[in-house]
Amino acid sequence: MISINVYDDQREIKQHGTYAFPVAVYHYVMSDCVMGYINWHWHEEIQLSLVTKGAIRFYADGQQYLVLEGDGFFINSGRLHMAKPEGDPDSSYLCLDFHPRLLSSFEGSVFEEKYVRPYISGAQISHRLLDSRHAGQRRILKALQRIGDLYSEADFGYELKIRSVIDELWIELLEDSDLSVSQIAYESGFSSASYYIESFRKELHQTPLQYRKAGG
């Protein structure tokens, strides 16, 4: 039976993956859970889920979303959340948990400063419904399924392949983000949006808006 054990502050006790490879993939069938659902908890890992059967109601930060088969849900690092089946007690979902340091490579890296910390340290992006009818979000869901297959097969080099797919998945999430340039600048430690834009332009030879439009 599946049981989520937590500390007094509701932080999950279980570590997902290992320090060397902080990635874990699960396939949760709600009827296999001790209470018939995944109870309230939080963890440092970023989580993405894909409903594989029936419907799952996800709860996060005081809101709830009904997620149907084929759609998914994103929950950022450190966010309190819960999942319950809607109707069919055998409703299920694929769940990917990975630690932000997988994206950062090392503390203080350009990856952490530009593409990770601004998106996980603030309250702007807590969670998000992933709708398969939306082209960008459909690519995220397909990447999630690909990661599930790679993790299950565990062939030689699967860790490298999973990291590569997670990088692509994260880029899709950033391009789909509605976090404003001013908010990103503030979360990144820049004194102003204009200084952030200029720094961004020097590195990537385009503005943040141009970067988003080019990838959208």
Protein backbone atom coordinates (compact mmCIF):
# COMPACT_ATOMS: atom_id res chain seq x y z
CA MET A 1 0.00 0.00 0.00
CA ILE A 2 1.12 3.54 -0.76
CA SER A 3 1.53 5.80 2.27
CA ILE A 4 2.88 9.34 2.45
CA ASN A 5 4.74 9.84 5.73
CA VAL A 6 5.43 13.41 6.83
CA TYR A 7 7.13 15.44 9.56
CA ASP A 8 5.13 17.76 11.84
CA ASP A 9 5.36 20.55 9.27
CA GLN A 10 3.92 18.16 6.60
CA ARG A 11 7.21 17.88 4.76
CA GLU A 12 7.47 14.43 3.22
CA ILE A 13 10.01 12.18 4.94
CA LYS A 14 10.86 10.14 1.87
CA GLN A 15 13.71 11.29 -0.37
CA HIS A 16 12.90 11.08 -4.07
CA GLY A 17 15.74 9.54 -5.99
CA THR A 18 19.25 9.83 -4.58
CA TYR A 19 21.65 12.71 -4.02
CA ALA A 20 23.65 11.50 -7.02
CA PHE A 21 20.54 11.29 -9.24
CA PRO A 22 17.65 13.22 -7.63
CA VAL A 23 14.91 11.88 -9.88
CA ALA A 24 12.06 9.46 -9.18
CA VAL A 25 9.08 8.31 -11.24
CA TYR A 26 6.00 6.67 -9.74
CA HIS A 27 2.73 5.34 -11.05
CA TYR A 28 0.10 5.96 -8.41
CA VAL A 29 -3.16 4.00 -8.48
CA MET A 30 -5.42 5.69 -5.96
CA SER A 31 -6.99 2.43 -4.73
CA ASP A 32 -3.48 1.30 -3.71
CA CYS A 33 -3.13 4.26 -1.33
CA VAL A 34 -3.74 3.68 2.38
CA MET A 35 -6.54 6.26 2.51
CA GLY A 36 -7.56 5.95 -1.13
CA TYR A 37 -5.75 9.17 -1.97
CA ILE A 38 -2.44 11.04 -1.59
CA ASN A 39 -2.67 13.13 1.57
CA TRP A 40 -1.33 16.66 2.18
CA HIS A 41 2.46 16.97 1.98
CA TRP A 42 5.26 19.01 0.43
CA HIS A 43 8.84 18.42 -0.66
CA GLU A 44 11.76 20.27 -2.21
CA GLU A 45 11.39 18.35 -5.46
CA ILE A 46 9.51 19.79 -8.42
CA GLN A 47 6.61 17.56 -9.41
CA LEU A 48 4.84 16.93 -12.70
CA SER A 49 1.98 14.50 -13.08
CA LEU A 50 0.15 12.92 -16.02
CA VAL A 51 -3.26 11.34 -15.41
CA THR A 52 -3.21 7.90 -17.04
CA LYS A 53 -6.71 6.69 -16.08
CA GLY A 54 -9.93 8.32 -14.92
CA ALA A 55 -9.67 11.71 -13.25
CA ILE A 56 -7.65 13.13 -10.36
CA ARG A 57 -8.50 16.19 -8.31
CA PHE A 58 -5.30 18.01 -7.34
CA TYR A 59 -5.24 20.44 -4.43
CA ALA A 60 -2.49 23.07 -4.09
CA ASP A 61 -2.20 26.35 -2.18
CA GLY A 62 -5.90 26.54 -1.35
CA GLN A 63 -7.08 25.78 -4.88
CA GLN A 64 -8.27 22.61 -6.58
CA TYR A 65 -8.24 21.37 -10.15
CA LEU A 66 -9.98 18.42 -11.79
CA VAL A 67 -7.44 16.82 -14.13
CA LEU A 68 -8.75 14.38 -16.71
CA GLU A 69 -7.03 11.45 -18.38
CA GLY A 70 -4.34 12.68 -20.76
CA ASP A 71 -3.89 15.99 -18.94
CA GLY A 72 -1.44 16.81 -16.19
CA PHE A 73 -0.47 19.02 -13.29
CA PHE A 74 2.68 20.92 -12.30
CA ILE A 75 3.54 21.59 -8.64
CA ASN A 76 6.54 23.74 -7.80
CA SER A 77 9.15 23.06 -5.16
CA GLY A 78 7.99 23.48 -1.57
CA ARG A 79 4.24 23.67 -2.30
CA LEU A 80 1.72 21.91 -0.11
CA HIS A 81 -0.47 19.59 -2.20
CA MET A 82 -2.81 16.61 -2.22
CA ALA A 83 -4.41 14.34 -4.85
CA LYS A 84 -7.73 12.46 -4.77
CA PRO A 85 -9.52 10.27 -7.33
CA GLU A 86 -12.66 11.71 -8.88
CA GLY A 87 -15.28 9.01 -9.37
CA ASP A 88 -13.28 5.89 -10.23
CA PRO A 89 -11.24 4.79 -7.17
CA ASP A 90 -8.75 3.16 -9.55
CA SER A 91 -7.91 6.47 -11.20
CA SER A 92 -4.16 6.75 -11.64
CA TYR A 93 -1.37 9.08 -12.63
CA LEU A 94 2.29 9.06 -13.57
CA CYS A 95 4.32 11.21 -11.19
CA LEU A 96 7.78 12.70 -11.79
CA ASP A 97 9.71 14.22 -8.87
CA PHE A 98 13.09 15.86 -9.42
CA HIS A 99 15.19 18.17 -7.29
CA PRO A 100 15.93 21.69 -8.65
CA ARG A 101 19.67 21.06 -8.37
CA LEU A 102 19.36 18.70 -11.34
CA LEU A 103 18.64 21.81 -13.42
CA SER A 104 21.11 24.06 -11.61
CA SER A 105 24.17 21.78 -11.96
CA PHE A 106 25.87 23.68 -9.11
CA GLU A 107 25.13 26.57 -6.77
CA GLY A 108 25.61 29.96 -8.39
CA SER A 109 25.61 28.62 -11.95
CA VAL A 110 24.07 30.61 -14.79
CA PHE A 111 21.43 27.88 -14.99
CA GLU A 112 20.42 28.41 -11.36
CA GLU A 113 20.50 32.21 -11.50
CA LYS A 114 18.58 32.62 -14.77
CA TYR A 115 16.40 29.59 -15.24
CA VAL A 116 15.75 27.99 -11.85
CA ARG A 117 15.83 30.30 -8.83
CA PRO A 118 13.57 33.03 -10.30
CA TYR A 119 10.89 30.44 -10.97
CA ILE A 120 10.96 28.48 -7.71
CA SER A 121 11.88 31.08 -5.06
CA GLY A 122 8.86 33.36 -5.47
CA ALA A 123 5.15 32.77 -5.03
CA GLN A 124 4.22 33.61 -8.62
CA ILE A 125 4.37 30.07 -10.02
CA SER A 126 2.97 27.68 -7.45
CA HIS A 127 1.18 25.16 -9.65
CA ARG A 128 -0.37 24.83 -13.06
CA LEU A 129 -2.86 22.68 -14.93
CA LEU A 130 -1.31 21.10 -18.04
CA ASP A 131 -3.92 20.91 -20.80
CA SER A 132 -3.19 18.48 -23.64
CA ARG A 133 -5.18 20.71 -26.02
CA HIS A 134 -2.48 23.39 -25.67
CA ALA A 135 0.48 22.72 -28.01
CA GLY A 136 3.22 23.73 -25.57
CA GLN A 137 1.68 21.89 -22.64
CA ARG A 138 1.09 18.83 -24.83
CA ARG A 139 4.84 18.73 -25.50
CA ILE A 140 5.44 18.84 -21.74
CA LEU A 141 3.09 15.89 -21.22
CA LYS A 142 4.77 13.90 -24.00
CA ALA A 143 8.16 14.61 -22.42
CA LEU A 144 6.81 13.40 -19.10
CA GLN A 145 5.67 10.14 -20.69
CA ARG A 146 9.08 9.76 -22.32
CA ILE A 147 10.78 10.18 -18.95
CA GLY A 148 8.49 7.53 -17.49
CA ASP A 149 9.48 5.08 -20.23
CA LEU A 150 13.20 5.79 -19.85
CA TYR A 151 13.02 5.40 -16.06
CA SER A 152 11.15 2.11 -16.35
CA GLU A 153 13.49 0.63 -18.96
CA ALA A 154 16.64 1.85 -17.15
CA ASP A 155 18.90 1.06 -20.11
CA PHE A 156 22.53 2.17 -20.19
CA GLY A 157 22.70 5.97 -20.23
CA TYR A 158 19.08 6.46 -19.14
CA GLU A 159 20.10 9.02 -16.50
CA LEU A 160 21.68 11.25 -19.16
CA LYS A 161 18.65 10.88 -21.41
CA ILE A 162 16.25 11.70 -18.58
CA ARG A 163 18.24 14.81 -17.64
CA SER A 164 18.17 15.94 -21.27
CA VAL A 165 14.40 15.49 -21.50
CA ILE A 166 13.87 17.27 -18.16
CA ASP A 167 15.88 20.22 -19.49
CA GLU A 168 13.61 20.38 -22.56
CA LEU A 169 10.53 20.02 -20.39
CA TRP A 170 11.68 22.86 -18.13
CA ILE A 171 12.27 25.15 -21.10
CA GLU A 172 8.71 24.47 -22.26
CA LEU A 173 7.43 25.39 -18.80
CA LEU A 174 9.41 28.63 -18.76
CA GLU A 175 8.20 29.60 -22.22
CA ASP A 176 4.65 28.93 -21.10
CA SER A 177 5.12 30.97 -17.92
CA ASP A 178 3.19 34.18 -17.33
CA LEU A 179 5.79 35.45 -14.86
CA SER A 180 6.51 39.07 -15.79
CA VAL A 181 9.98 40.40 -16.64
CA SER A 182 9.82 42.69 -13.59
CA GLN A 183 9.03 39.76 -11.29
CA ILE A 184 11.84 37.67 -12.77
CA ALA A 185 14.27 40.58 -12.37
CA TYR A 186 13.30 41.00 -8.72
CA GLU A 187 13.55 37.28 -7.94
CA SER A 188 16.94 37.12 -9.71
CA GLY A 189 18.37 39.89 -7.54
CA PHE A 190 18.55 42.58 -10.22
CA SER A 191 17.94 46.16 -9.12
CA SER A 192 15.59 46.90 -12.01
CA ALA A 193 13.82 45.29 -14.95
CA SER A 194 15.85 47.39 -17.40
CA TYR A 195 19.15 46.14 -15.97
CA TYR A 196 17.86 42.56 -16.12
CA ILE A 197 16.79 42.99 -19.77
CA GLU A 198 20.18 44.43 -20.70
CA SER A 199 22.01 41.58 -18.96
CA PHE A 200 19.72 39.05 -20.65
CA ARG A 201 20.38 40.68 -24.05
CA LYS A 202 24.16 40.52 -23.57
CA GLU A 203 24.01 36.79 -22.82
CA LEU A 204 21.42 35.63 -25.38
CA HIS A 205 21.47 38.50 -27.88
CA GLN A 206 17.73 39.05 -27.52
CA THR A 207 15.30 40.41 -24.94
CA PRO A 208 13.30 38.14 -22.62
CA LEU A 209 10.16 38.93 -24.63
CA GLN A 210 11.88 38.06 -27.91
CA TYR A 211 13.14 34.83 -26.33
CA ARG A 212 9.62 33.86 -25.28
CA LYS A 213 8.11 34.70 -28.67
CA ALA A 214 10.82 32.80 -30.53
CA GLY A 215 10.12 29.68 -28.49
CA GLY A 216 6.34 29.98 -28.33
